[in-house]
Amino acid sequence: MPTQIKMPALSPTMEEGTLAKWLVKVGDTIGAGDLMAEIETDKATMEFEAVDEGTVAQI
């Protein structure tokens, strides 16, 4: 069953961010802890990690 992944708040004060770069592509198999994307905020660029395992079906 597909799981929709939403951009997380990377800090308590984060209200918006920009997805700067995908680090995965459709068809990639990912596991918990794998890096999926880079997210830019007004203060920093942070990496977003997968929390579960699966296959990327859509971006």
Protein backbone atom coordinates (compact mmCIF):
# COMPACT_ATOMS: atom_id res chain seq x y z
CA MET A 1 0.00 0.00 0.00
CA PRO A 2 1.48 3.40 -0.96
CA THR A 3 2.55 5.86 1.72
CA GLN A 4 2.44 9.58 0.99
CA ILE A 5 5.47 11.42 2.37
CA LYS A 6 5.07 15.06 3.33
CA MET A 7 7.81 17.59 3.96
CA PRO A 8 8.61 17.49 7.68
CA ALA A 9 9.13 20.50 9.92
CA LEU A 10 12.87 20.32 10.52
CA SER A 11 12.80 22.69 13.49
CA PRO A 12 10.13 23.91 15.92
CA THR A 13 10.06 27.33 14.25
CA MET A 14 10.05 26.14 10.62
CA GLU A 15 6.97 27.37 8.78
CA GLU A 16 8.06 26.83 5.19
CA GLY A 17 10.86 25.30 3.19
CA THR A 18 11.90 24.57 -0.36
CA LEU A 19 12.69 21.14 -1.72
CA ALA A 20 16.10 21.93 -3.20
CA LYS A 21 17.06 18.53 -4.62
CA TRP A 22 15.73 15.00 -4.80
CA LEU A 23 18.38 12.42 -3.93
CA VAL A 24 16.23 9.49 -5.12
CA LYS A 25 14.37 8.72 -8.33
CA VAL A 26 11.29 6.68 -9.22
CA GLY A 27 12.08 2.98 -8.89
CA ASP A 28 14.77 3.38 -6.22
CA THR A 29 14.55 1.08 -3.22
CA ILE A 30 15.02 2.95 0.05
CA GLY A 31 15.45 1.94 3.67
CA ALA A 32 15.04 3.74 6.97
CA GLY A 33 17.77 6.34 7.32
CA ASP A 34 18.44 6.67 3.58
CA LEU A 35 18.69 10.27 2.38
CA MET A 36 15.77 11.22 0.14
CA ALA A 37 16.02 14.99 -0.41
CA GLU A 38 17.65 18.27 0.53
CA ILE A 39 15.36 20.91 2.03
CA GLU A 40 16.26 24.59 2.22
CA THR A 41 14.89 26.88 4.92
CA ASP A 42 15.63 30.52 5.57
CA LYS A 43 18.47 29.45 7.87
CA ALA A 44 20.01 26.25 6.49
CA THR A 45 19.92 23.37 4.04
CA MET A 46 19.08 20.04 5.68
CA GLU A 47 18.80 16.46 4.50
CA PHE A 48 15.54 14.54 4.76
CA GLU A 49 15.82 10.85 5.69
CA ALA A 50 13.38 8.03 5.01
CA VAL A 51 11.72 6.66 8.14
CA ASP A 52 10.61 3.38 6.54
CA GLU A 53 11.59 1.09 3.69
CA GLY A 54 10.02 0.75 0.28
CA THR A 55 10.25 1.66 -3.40
CA VAL A 56 9.82 5.20 -4.72
CA ALA A 57 6.70 5.04 -6.92
CA GLN A 58 6.15 8.72 -7.72
CA ILE A 59 7.80 12.09 -7.19
